[in-house]
Each structure stands twice: as C-alpha cells, then as structure tokens.
Amino acid sequence: MSGPQEGLILDQQLLEILREAVRTRQRKEELERSIGRAVRRHDLDFRVYVQIVDELREMVHERGTTLELAASACLEEGKGEPKQ
C-alpha cells in the first residue's frame, strides 16, 4: 500500500473506539481514561488500549502536539471526524 505516513495507522475498528472515546469523554477527564472505558465497553482487552494510546503518543512525539489534538488528527485522517 502506501509508504510510511505521518499519522493514521489505526484500523477502522480502533478508529471507532477512539471516536467513541472522544465523543463520550467527560468534562476534565483524561483521554486515556475515556479510551480505556470505550475499550472495555467493546469487551476488548488491554492490548487494544495500549495499541491506541501508543499510536497517539507516537503522533504527539512526531508532531509536537497534545494527545487530544493527535486523536482529532487521527480521526480526521481516518474519516472519523470527532464532534467537538
């Protein structure tokens, strides 16, 4: 497929979990906690959580941004457009 690209590596299932986490995030709640809740809601295991958070942290490092902005960028690149 395409070569290394800044950003999207998550598959559609993981993007759906991330989209849900962003959408259901409570006020002043850490994004990681919201992701964990969404992963558990889908009856998935800790490895899925680690995969999502690892990809986001890599984007944070590469782009020099925040976890929240990395999640938004990831969703936009994956056609997940988060509602703010």
N, C-alpha and C. Protein backbone atom coordinates (compact mmCIF):
# COMPACT_ATOMS: atom_id res chain seq x y z
N MET A 1 0.85 -1.19 0.00
CA MET A 1 0.00 0.00 0.00
C MET A 1 0.88 1.24 0.00
N SER A 2 0.51 2.25 0.73
CA SER A 2 1.30 3.48 0.72
C SER A 2 2.47 3.36 1.68
N GLY A 3 3.45 4.22 1.49
CA GLY A 3 4.64 4.23 2.33
C GLY A 3 4.34 4.81 3.69
N PRO A 4 5.36 4.91 4.52
CA PRO A 4 5.16 5.47 5.85
C PRO A 4 4.57 6.87 5.76
N GLN A 5 3.59 7.10 6.57
CA GLN A 5 2.85 8.35 6.52
C GLN A 5 2.71 8.87 7.93
N GLU A 6 2.84 10.15 8.09
CA GLU A 6 2.64 10.73 9.40
C GLU A 6 1.19 10.56 9.77
N GLY A 7 0.92 9.88 10.88
CA GLY A 7 -0.45 9.82 11.32
C GLY A 7 -1.06 8.44 11.32
N LEU A 8 -2.08 8.27 10.54
CA LEU A 8 -3.01 7.15 10.63
C LEU A 8 -2.35 5.79 10.44
N ILE A 9 -2.43 4.97 11.48
CA ILE A 9 -2.01 3.59 11.39
C ILE A 9 -3.14 2.72 11.95
N LEU A 10 -4.03 3.31 12.71
CA LEU A 10 -5.12 2.56 13.34
C LEU A 10 -6.10 2.05 12.29
N ASP A 11 -6.59 0.83 12.49
CA ASP A 11 -7.59 0.29 11.57
C ASP A 11 -8.97 0.85 11.93
N GLN A 12 -9.95 0.50 11.15
CA GLN A 12 -11.28 1.09 11.32
C GLN A 12 -11.91 0.75 12.67
N GLN A 13 -11.72 -0.46 13.18
CA GLN A 13 -12.27 -0.82 14.48
C GLN A 13 -11.66 0.04 15.59
N LEU A 14 -10.35 0.24 15.52
CA LEU A 14 -9.69 1.05 16.54
C LEU A 14 -10.09 2.51 16.41
N LEU A 15 -10.28 2.97 15.18
CA LEU A 15 -10.75 4.34 14.99
C LEU A 15 -12.15 4.52 15.57
N GLU A 16 -12.99 3.51 15.44
CA GLU A 16 -14.34 3.59 16.01
C GLU A 16 -14.28 3.68 17.53
N ILE A 17 -13.38 2.94 18.14
CA ILE A 17 -13.21 3.00 19.60
C ILE A 17 -12.70 4.38 19.99
N LEU A 18 -11.73 4.91 19.26
CA LEU A 18 -11.21 6.24 19.54
C LEU A 18 -12.30 7.29 19.35
N ARG A 19 -13.08 7.17 18.30
CA ARG A 19 -14.18 8.11 18.04
C ARG A 19 -15.16 8.10 19.21
N GLU A 20 -15.50 6.91 19.69
CA GLU A 20 -16.41 6.79 20.83
C GLU A 20 -15.80 7.42 22.08
N ALA A 21 -14.52 7.18 22.30
CA ALA A 21 -13.85 7.73 23.48
C ALA A 21 -13.87 9.26 23.46
N VAL A 22 -13.61 9.85 22.30
CA VAL A 22 -13.62 11.31 22.19
C VAL A 22 -15.05 11.83 22.39
N ARG A 23 -16.02 11.13 21.81
CA ARG A 23 -17.41 11.57 21.87
C ARG A 23 -17.99 11.47 23.28
N THR A 24 -17.60 10.44 24.04
CA THR A 24 -18.20 10.21 25.36
C THR A 24 -17.33 10.71 26.50
N ARG A 25 -16.24 11.35 26.17
CA ARG A 25 -15.32 11.85 27.19
C ARG A 25 -16.01 12.85 28.11
N GLN A 26 -15.83 12.65 29.39
CA GLN A 26 -16.44 13.53 30.38
C GLN A 26 -15.59 14.77 30.59
N ARG A 27 -16.22 15.79 31.09
CA ARG A 27 -15.52 17.05 31.32
C ARG A 27 -14.29 16.85 32.21
N LYS A 28 -13.18 17.38 31.78
CA LYS A 28 -11.90 17.33 32.50
C LYS A 28 -11.37 15.91 32.70
N GLU A 29 -11.88 14.95 31.95
CA GLU A 29 -11.40 13.57 32.05
C GLU A 29 -10.21 13.40 31.11
N GLU A 30 -9.22 12.65 31.57
CA GLU A 30 -8.07 12.35 30.72
C GLU A 30 -8.54 11.49 29.55
N LEU A 31 -8.00 11.75 28.37
CA LEU A 31 -8.38 11.00 27.19
C LEU A 31 -8.07 9.51 27.36
N GLU A 32 -6.95 9.19 28.00
CA GLU A 32 -6.58 7.80 28.21
C GLU A 32 -7.66 7.05 28.98
N ARG A 33 -8.23 7.68 29.97
CA ARG A 33 -9.29 7.04 30.76
C ARG A 33 -10.53 6.78 29.90
N SER A 34 -10.88 7.74 29.08
CA SER A 34 -12.03 7.59 28.20
C SER A 34 -11.79 6.47 27.17
N ILE A 35 -10.57 6.37 26.67
CA ILE A 35 -10.22 5.30 25.74
C ILE A 35 -10.36 3.94 26.44
N GLY A 36 -9.86 3.85 27.66
CA GLY A 36 -9.98 2.61 28.42
C GLY A 36 -11.42 2.19 28.62
N ARG A 37 -12.28 3.14 28.91
CA ARG A 37 -13.71 2.85 29.09
C ARG A 37 -14.32 2.34 27.78
N ALA A 38 -13.98 2.99 26.66
CA ALA A 38 -14.51 2.56 25.37
C ALA A 38 -14.02 1.17 25.00
N VAL A 39 -12.76 0.87 25.30
CA VAL A 39 -12.21 -0.47 25.02
C VAL A 39 -12.97 -1.51 25.83
N ARG A 40 -13.19 -1.25 27.11
CA ARG A 40 -13.92 -2.19 27.96
C ARG A 40 -15.37 -2.35 27.50
N ARG A 41 -15.98 -1.28 27.04
CA ARG A 41 -17.36 -1.33 26.57
C ARG A 41 -17.50 -2.26 25.37
N HIS A 42 -16.44 -2.37 24.58
CA HIS A 42 -16.43 -3.25 23.41
C HIS A 42 -15.91 -4.65 23.75
N ASP A 43 -15.71 -4.91 25.05
CA ASP A 43 -15.21 -6.21 25.52
C ASP A 43 -13.88 -6.59 24.90
N LEU A 44 -13.01 -5.62 24.72
CA LEU A 44 -11.68 -5.86 24.18
C LEU A 44 -10.68 -5.83 25.33
N ASP A 45 -9.46 -6.29 25.08
CA ASP A 45 -8.51 -6.37 26.16
C ASP A 45 -7.52 -5.21 26.17
N PHE A 46 -6.65 -5.26 27.16
CA PHE A 46 -5.70 -4.18 27.43
C PHE A 46 -4.77 -3.91 26.25
N ARG A 47 -4.47 -4.95 25.47
CA ARG A 47 -3.58 -4.78 24.31
C ARG A 47 -4.15 -3.76 23.32
N VAL A 48 -5.46 -3.74 23.17
CA VAL A 48 -6.11 -2.79 22.26
C VAL A 48 -5.92 -1.37 22.78
N TYR A 49 -6.12 -1.20 24.09
CA TYR A 49 -5.90 0.11 24.72
C TYR A 49 -4.47 0.57 24.48
N VAL A 50 -3.51 -0.33 24.73
CA VAL A 50 -2.10 0.01 24.56
C VAL A 50 -1.81 0.39 23.11
N GLN A 51 -2.38 -0.33 22.16
CA GLN A 51 -2.15 -0.05 20.75
C GLN A 51 -2.64 1.35 20.38
N ILE A 52 -3.84 1.69 20.83
CA ILE A 52 -4.41 3.01 20.50
C ILE A 52 -3.58 4.12 21.14
N VAL A 53 -3.32 4.00 22.42
CA VAL A 53 -2.58 5.04 23.14
C VAL A 53 -1.15 5.16 22.61
N ASP A 54 -0.53 4.04 22.27
CA ASP A 54 0.83 4.06 21.72
C ASP A 54 0.86 4.83 20.40
N GLU A 55 -0.10 4.58 19.52
CA GLU A 55 -0.16 5.30 18.25
C GLU A 55 -0.36 6.80 18.47
N LEU A 56 -1.22 7.15 19.41
CA LEU A 56 -1.45 8.58 19.69
C LEU A 56 -0.20 9.23 20.26
N ARG A 57 0.46 8.55 21.18
CA ARG A 57 1.68 9.11 21.77
C ARG A 57 2.79 9.28 20.73
N GLU A 58 2.84 8.35 19.77
CA GLU A 58 3.81 8.48 18.69
C GLU A 58 3.52 9.74 17.86
N MET A 59 2.24 9.98 17.59
CA MET A 59 1.86 11.19 16.86
C MET A 59 2.22 12.45 17.65
N VAL A 60 2.00 12.40 18.97
CA VAL A 60 2.35 13.53 19.84
C VAL A 60 3.84 13.82 19.71
N HIS A 61 4.64 12.79 19.76
CA HIS A 61 6.09 12.95 19.66
C HIS A 61 6.50 13.49 18.29
N GLU A 62 5.95 12.91 17.22
CA GLU A 62 6.31 13.31 15.87
C GLU A 62 5.88 14.74 15.54
N ARG A 63 4.70 15.11 16.00
CA ARG A 63 4.12 16.40 15.62
C ARG A 63 4.29 17.48 16.68
N GLY A 64 4.73 17.10 17.85
CA GLY A 64 4.90 18.08 18.92
C GLY A 64 3.57 18.70 19.33
N THR A 65 2.57 17.85 19.54
CA THR A 65 1.23 18.32 19.85
C THR A 65 0.74 17.67 21.13
N THR A 66 -0.54 17.79 21.42
CA THR A 66 -1.13 17.17 22.60
C THR A 66 -1.81 15.86 22.20
N LEU A 67 -2.12 15.04 23.18
CA LEU A 67 -2.81 13.79 22.93
C LEU A 67 -4.19 14.04 22.32
N GLU A 68 -4.86 15.06 22.80
CA GLU A 68 -6.19 15.38 22.29
C GLU A 68 -6.15 15.81 20.83
N LEU A 69 -5.17 16.64 20.48
CA LEU A 69 -5.04 17.07 19.09
C LEU A 69 -4.60 15.92 18.19
N ALA A 70 -3.78 15.02 18.72
CA ALA A 70 -3.37 13.85 17.95
C ALA A 70 -4.58 12.95 17.68
N ALA A 71 -5.45 12.79 18.66
CA ALA A 71 -6.66 11.98 18.48
C ALA A 71 -7.56 12.61 17.41
N SER A 72 -7.74 13.92 17.47
CA SER A 72 -8.56 14.60 16.47
C SER A 72 -7.98 14.44 15.08
N ALA A 73 -6.66 14.59 14.96
CA ALA A 73 -6.00 14.44 13.66
C ALA A 73 -6.14 13.02 13.15
N CYS A 74 -5.98 12.06 14.03
CA CYS A 74 -6.10 10.66 13.64
C CYS A 74 -7.50 10.36 13.13
N LEU A 75 -8.51 10.88 13.82
CA LEU A 75 -9.89 10.66 13.40
C LEU A 75 -10.19 11.36 12.08
N GLU A 76 -9.67 12.56 11.91
CA GLU A 76 -9.88 13.27 10.64
C GLU A 76 -9.24 12.53 9.49
N GLU A 77 -8.03 12.03 9.69
CA GLU A 77 -7.32 11.30 8.64
C GLU A 77 -8.03 9.98 8.34
N GLY A 78 -8.70 9.42 9.33
CA GLY A 78 -9.40 8.15 9.17
C GLY A 78 -10.87 8.34 8.89
N LYS A 79 -11.27 9.55 8.54
CA LYS A 79 -12.67 9.88 8.25
C LYS A 79 -13.55 9.67 9.46
N GLY A 80 -13.00 9.97 10.63
CA GLY A 80 -13.77 9.77 11.85
C GLY A 80 -14.30 11.05 12.45
N GLU A 81 -13.97 12.16 11.86
CA GLU A 81 -14.36 13.50 12.30
C GLU A 81 -15.05 13.56 13.66
N PRO A 82 -14.31 13.86 14.71
CA PRO A 82 -14.92 13.96 16.03
C PRO A 82 -15.80 15.18 16.13
N LYS A 83 -16.88 15.05 16.88
CA LYS A 83 -17.76 16.21 17.12
C LYS A 83 -17.26 16.89 18.37
N GLN A 84 -16.99 18.17 18.29
CA GLN A 84 -16.45 18.93 19.42
C GLN A 84 -17.55 19.71 20.07
